[in-house]
Structure formats: structure tokens, C-alpha cells
Amino acid sequence: MATVKKIPTRLCIGCQEQHPKKELVRIVRSPEGEFSIDLTGKKAGRGAYICNNEECFQKAMKEHRFDRSFKCTVDKTIFDELSEQLFK
């Protein structure tokens, strides 16, 4: 009898829907306070998952979901940098 491997799911902070972890993009705040995109899913720090589309990113930004996920205020310049890296 074959066992079924469980696929890990994460909640998108934009659309608030569960998606397989591999379909989402992880944004990380490092212990030093720097924000970056984690494509490997292994960087150290506090992470938040978001769909790889601009609507989810804008919704999460507008509703301050990044602030809640990272437990700090995220500056507008950081949003601009992340948006440029994701949607260039």
C-alpha cells in the first residue's frame, strides 16, 4: 500500500487563501531588520507568504497585512523595492 505524501500549504496574506507552499513567494524580515524575497524558503527570519500576482501584493499592502505579519511597520520604500523585484 502506497502512502500519500502530505503537501504543505500556507496562507497568502493578500487573498487569505490556502495554497501549496511551492506556489507562493516568501518574503522575509531578517533578524537585522532587512526585507528580502526568499525563493528557497530557507532564509532565517520571520516570513510571510504571498501569491505571485500584483493584486494580492497590493491588497496586502493596502490592508497593512505585512505590518501584522512582521510585527513591525513596513516602510513604503521597502514595498517599492519588493514590488520591483517581484513584478519587473
N, C-alpha and C. Protein backbone atom coordinates (compact mmCIF):
# COMPACT_ATOMS: atom_id res chain seq x y z
N MET A 1 0.84 -1.18 0.00
CA MET A 1 0.00 0.00 0.00
C MET A 1 0.88 1.24 0.00
N ALA A 2 0.67 2.13 -0.95
CA ALA A 2 1.47 3.35 -1.07
C ALA A 2 0.93 4.42 -0.14
N THR A 3 1.85 5.16 0.45
CA THR A 3 1.43 6.26 1.31
C THR A 3 1.37 7.54 0.50
N VAL A 4 0.43 8.39 0.83
CA VAL A 4 0.27 9.66 0.14
C VAL A 4 1.06 10.71 0.91
N LYS A 5 1.95 11.37 0.21
CA LYS A 5 2.78 12.39 0.84
C LYS A 5 1.97 13.67 1.02
N LYS A 6 2.03 14.24 2.20
CA LYS A 6 1.29 15.46 2.50
C LYS A 6 1.99 16.66 1.85
N ILE A 7 1.21 17.50 1.18
CA ILE A 7 1.75 18.70 0.56
C ILE A 7 1.52 19.86 1.53
N PRO A 8 2.60 20.53 1.97
CA PRO A 8 2.42 21.64 2.91
C PRO A 8 1.72 22.82 2.25
N THR A 9 0.81 23.43 2.99
CA THR A 9 0.09 24.60 2.48
C THR A 9 0.38 25.79 3.38
N ARG A 10 0.28 26.98 2.81
CA ARG A 10 0.48 28.23 3.53
C ARG A 10 -0.63 29.19 3.15
N LEU A 11 -0.89 30.16 4.01
CA LEU A 11 -1.92 31.17 3.79
C LEU A 11 -1.32 32.39 3.11
N CYS A 12 -1.89 32.79 2.00
CA CYS A 12 -1.45 34.02 1.32
C CYS A 12 -1.96 35.20 2.13
N ILE A 13 -1.08 36.16 2.44
CA ILE A 13 -1.52 37.30 3.23
C ILE A 13 -2.33 38.29 2.40
N GLY A 14 -2.33 38.13 1.09
CA GLY A 14 -3.12 39.01 0.23
C GLY A 14 -4.55 38.56 0.09
N CYS A 15 -4.75 37.37 -0.46
CA CYS A 15 -6.11 36.87 -0.72
C CYS A 15 -6.66 36.04 0.44
N GLN A 16 -5.84 35.72 1.44
CA GLN A 16 -6.24 34.95 2.61
C GLN A 16 -6.73 33.54 2.23
N GLU A 17 -6.13 32.93 1.22
CA GLU A 17 -6.48 31.58 0.80
C GLU A 17 -5.28 30.65 0.98
N GLN A 18 -5.57 29.39 1.26
CA GLN A 18 -4.53 28.37 1.40
C GLN A 18 -4.07 27.94 0.01
N HIS A 19 -2.76 27.88 -0.17
CA HIS A 19 -2.17 27.42 -1.42
C HIS A 19 -1.01 26.49 -1.08
N PRO A 20 -0.65 25.59 -1.99
CA PRO A 20 0.57 24.80 -1.75
C PRO A 20 1.78 25.72 -1.59
N LYS A 21 2.64 25.37 -0.67
CA LYS A 21 3.79 26.21 -0.33
C LYS A 21 4.65 26.56 -1.53
N LYS A 22 4.81 25.64 -2.47
CA LYS A 22 5.68 25.86 -3.63
C LYS A 22 5.10 26.88 -4.61
N GLU A 23 3.79 27.16 -4.55
CA GLU A 23 3.17 28.12 -5.45
C GLU A 23 3.30 29.56 -4.94
N LEU A 24 3.68 29.73 -3.68
CA LEU A 24 3.75 31.06 -3.07
C LEU A 24 5.18 31.58 -3.01
N VAL A 25 5.29 32.89 -2.83
CA VAL A 25 6.58 33.55 -2.67
C VAL A 25 6.72 33.94 -1.20
N ARG A 26 7.87 33.67 -0.62
CA ARG A 26 8.11 34.00 0.78
C ARG A 26 8.89 35.31 0.87
N ILE A 27 8.38 36.22 1.68
CA ILE A 27 9.07 37.48 1.96
C ILE A 27 9.55 37.40 3.39
N VAL A 28 10.82 37.73 3.61
CA VAL A 28 11.46 37.52 4.90
C VAL A 28 11.98 38.83 5.49
N ARG A 29 11.79 38.98 6.81
CA ARG A 29 12.45 40.05 7.55
C ARG A 29 13.53 39.37 8.38
N SER A 30 14.78 39.68 8.07
CA SER A 30 15.91 39.04 8.74
C SER A 30 16.01 39.55 10.19
N PRO A 31 16.77 38.86 11.01
CA PRO A 31 16.97 39.34 12.39
C PRO A 31 17.58 40.74 12.45
N GLU A 32 18.28 41.15 11.38
CA GLU A 32 18.86 42.50 11.34
C GLU A 32 17.83 43.54 10.90
N GLY A 33 16.64 43.10 10.45
CA GLY A 33 15.59 44.02 10.05
C GLY A 33 15.52 44.28 8.55
N GLU A 34 16.28 43.54 7.76
CA GLU A 34 16.26 43.72 6.31
C GLU A 34 15.19 42.84 5.68
N PHE A 35 14.51 43.36 4.68
CA PHE A 35 13.47 42.61 3.98
C PHE A 35 14.02 42.09 2.66
N SER A 36 13.64 40.85 2.32
CA SER A 36 14.09 40.27 1.05
C SER A 36 13.11 39.20 0.61
N ILE A 37 13.24 38.80 -0.65
CA ILE A 37 12.43 37.74 -1.20
C ILE A 37 13.22 36.45 -1.07
N ASP A 38 12.56 35.43 -0.52
CA ASP A 38 13.21 34.14 -0.27
C ASP A 38 12.63 33.11 -1.23
N LEU A 39 13.34 32.83 -2.30
CA LEU A 39 12.86 31.85 -3.27
C LEU A 39 13.13 30.42 -2.82
N THR A 40 14.10 30.22 -1.92
CA THR A 40 14.43 28.88 -1.46
C THR A 40 13.55 28.44 -0.29
N GLY A 41 13.02 29.39 0.47
CA GLY A 41 12.21 29.06 1.64
C GLY A 41 13.03 28.68 2.85
N LYS A 42 14.32 28.99 2.83
CA LYS A 42 15.19 28.56 3.92
C LYS A 42 15.93 29.71 4.63
N LYS A 43 15.71 30.94 4.21
CA LYS A 43 16.40 32.06 4.87
C LYS A 43 15.91 32.21 6.30
N ALA A 44 16.83 32.64 7.16
CA ALA A 44 16.49 32.85 8.56
C ALA A 44 15.70 34.14 8.71
N GLY A 45 14.73 34.11 9.58
CA GLY A 45 13.95 35.31 9.86
C GLY A 45 12.46 35.02 9.81
N ARG A 46 11.69 36.06 10.06
CA ARG A 46 10.24 35.95 10.06
C ARG A 46 9.74 36.06 8.63
N GLY A 47 8.91 35.12 8.22
CA GLY A 47 8.45 35.09 6.84
C GLY A 47 6.96 35.25 6.70
N ALA A 48 6.55 35.71 5.53
CA ALA A 48 5.14 35.81 5.15
C ALA A 48 5.03 35.34 3.71
N TYR A 49 3.98 34.63 3.42
CA TYR A 49 3.78 34.07 2.08
C TYR A 49 2.74 34.87 1.33
N ILE A 50 2.98 35.04 0.02
CA ILE A 50 2.06 35.79 -0.82
C ILE A 50 2.03 35.16 -2.21
N CYS A 51 0.87 35.25 -2.86
CA CYS A 51 0.76 34.76 -4.24
C CYS A 51 1.66 35.60 -5.14
N ASN A 52 2.06 35.02 -6.24
CA ASN A 52 2.95 35.73 -7.16
C ASN A 52 2.13 36.55 -8.17
N ASN A 53 1.21 37.38 -7.67
CA ASN A 53 0.49 38.29 -8.54
C ASN A 53 0.35 39.65 -7.85
N GLU A 54 0.23 40.67 -8.65
CA GLU A 54 0.27 42.03 -8.14
C GLU A 54 -0.97 42.39 -7.33
N GLU A 55 -2.13 41.79 -7.66
CA GLU A 55 -3.36 42.13 -6.91
C GLU A 55 -3.24 41.73 -5.44
N CYS A 56 -2.71 40.55 -5.18
CA CYS A 56 -2.53 40.10 -3.80
C CYS A 56 -1.54 40.99 -3.06
N PHE A 57 -0.47 41.37 -3.74
CA PHE A 57 0.54 42.23 -3.13
C PHE A 57 -0.06 43.59 -2.75
N GLN A 58 -0.82 44.18 -3.68
CA GLN A 58 -1.43 45.49 -3.42
C GLN A 58 -2.46 45.41 -2.30
N LYS A 59 -3.25 44.34 -2.27
CA LYS A 59 -4.26 44.17 -1.22
C LYS A 59 -3.60 44.02 0.16
N ALA A 60 -2.54 43.21 0.22
CA ALA A 60 -1.83 43.03 1.49
C ALA A 60 -1.20 44.33 1.95
N MET A 61 -0.67 45.11 1.02
CA MET A 61 -0.06 46.40 1.36
C MET A 61 -1.13 47.37 1.85
N LYS A 62 -2.24 47.45 1.15
CA LYS A 62 -3.32 48.39 1.48
C LYS A 62 -3.94 48.10 2.85
N GLU A 63 -4.09 46.82 3.17
CA GLU A 63 -4.74 46.43 4.42
C GLU A 63 -3.74 46.19 5.56
N HIS A 64 -2.48 46.61 5.38
CA HIS A 64 -1.43 46.55 6.41
C HIS A 64 -1.18 45.13 6.92
N ARG A 65 -1.32 44.16 6.03
CA ARG A 65 -1.10 42.77 6.44
C ARG A 65 0.37 42.44 6.60
N PHE A 66 1.24 43.15 5.88
CA PHE A 66 2.68 42.96 6.08
C PHE A 66 3.07 43.42 7.49
N ASP A 67 2.50 44.56 7.92
CA ASP A 67 2.80 45.07 9.26
C ASP A 67 2.43 44.05 10.33
N ARG A 68 1.27 43.43 10.18
CA ARG A 68 0.84 42.43 11.16
C ARG A 68 1.68 41.17 11.10
N SER A 69 2.03 40.73 9.91
CA SER A 69 2.81 39.51 9.75
C SER A 69 4.22 39.66 10.32
N PHE A 70 4.83 40.81 10.07
CA PHE A 70 6.20 41.03 10.52
C PHE A 70 6.30 41.69 11.88
N LYS A 71 5.16 42.03 12.47
CA LYS A 71 5.09 42.66 13.80
C LYS A 71 5.93 43.91 13.88
N CYS A 72 5.91 44.70 12.79
CA CYS A 72 6.59 45.99 12.75
C CYS A 72 5.99 46.80 11.61
N THR A 73 6.27 48.09 11.57
CA THR A 73 5.80 48.93 10.48
C THR A 73 6.75 48.80 9.30
N VAL A 74 6.19 48.51 8.14
CA VAL A 74 6.99 48.34 6.93
C VAL A 74 6.92 49.63 6.13
N ASP A 75 8.08 50.19 5.79
CA ASP A 75 8.17 51.47 5.09
C ASP A 75 7.76 51.33 3.62
N LYS A 76 7.24 52.39 3.04
CA LYS A 76 6.80 52.39 1.64
C LYS A 76 7.95 52.08 0.68
N THR A 77 9.16 52.52 0.99
CA THR A 77 10.29 52.24 0.11
C THR A 77 10.57 50.74 0.02
N ILE A 78 10.33 50.03 1.10
CA ILE A 78 10.52 48.58 1.09
C ILE A 78 9.49 47.93 0.17
N PHE A 79 8.24 48.42 0.22
CA PHE A 79 7.21 47.90 -0.69
C PHE A 79 7.60 48.13 -2.14
N ASP A 80 8.14 49.31 -2.43
CA ASP A 80 8.55 49.61 -3.80
C ASP A 80 9.65 48.67 -4.27
N GLU A 81 10.64 48.41 -3.40
CA GLU A 81 11.74 47.51 -3.75
C GLU A 81 11.24 46.08 -3.98
N LEU A 82 10.38 45.60 -3.08
CA LEU A 82 9.85 44.24 -3.20
C LEU A 82 8.99 44.10 -4.44
N SER A 83 8.17 45.10 -4.71
CA SER A 83 7.31 45.07 -5.88
C SER A 83 8.14 45.06 -7.16
N GLU A 84 9.21 45.84 -7.18
CA GLU A 84 10.09 45.88 -8.36
C GLU A 84 10.76 44.52 -8.59
N GLN A 85 11.18 43.87 -7.51
CA GLN A 85 11.83 42.57 -7.63
C GLN A 85 10.85 41.48 -8.09
N LEU A 86 9.62 41.56 -7.61
CA LEU A 86 8.63 40.52 -7.93
C LEU A 86 8.01 40.69 -9.32
N PHE A 87 7.72 41.92 -9.70
CA PHE A 87 6.90 42.17 -10.90
C PHE A 87 7.60 42.98 -11.97
N LYS A 88 8.92 42.85 -12.14
CA LYS A 88 9.62 43.63 -13.14
C LYS A 88 9.35 43.22 -14.54
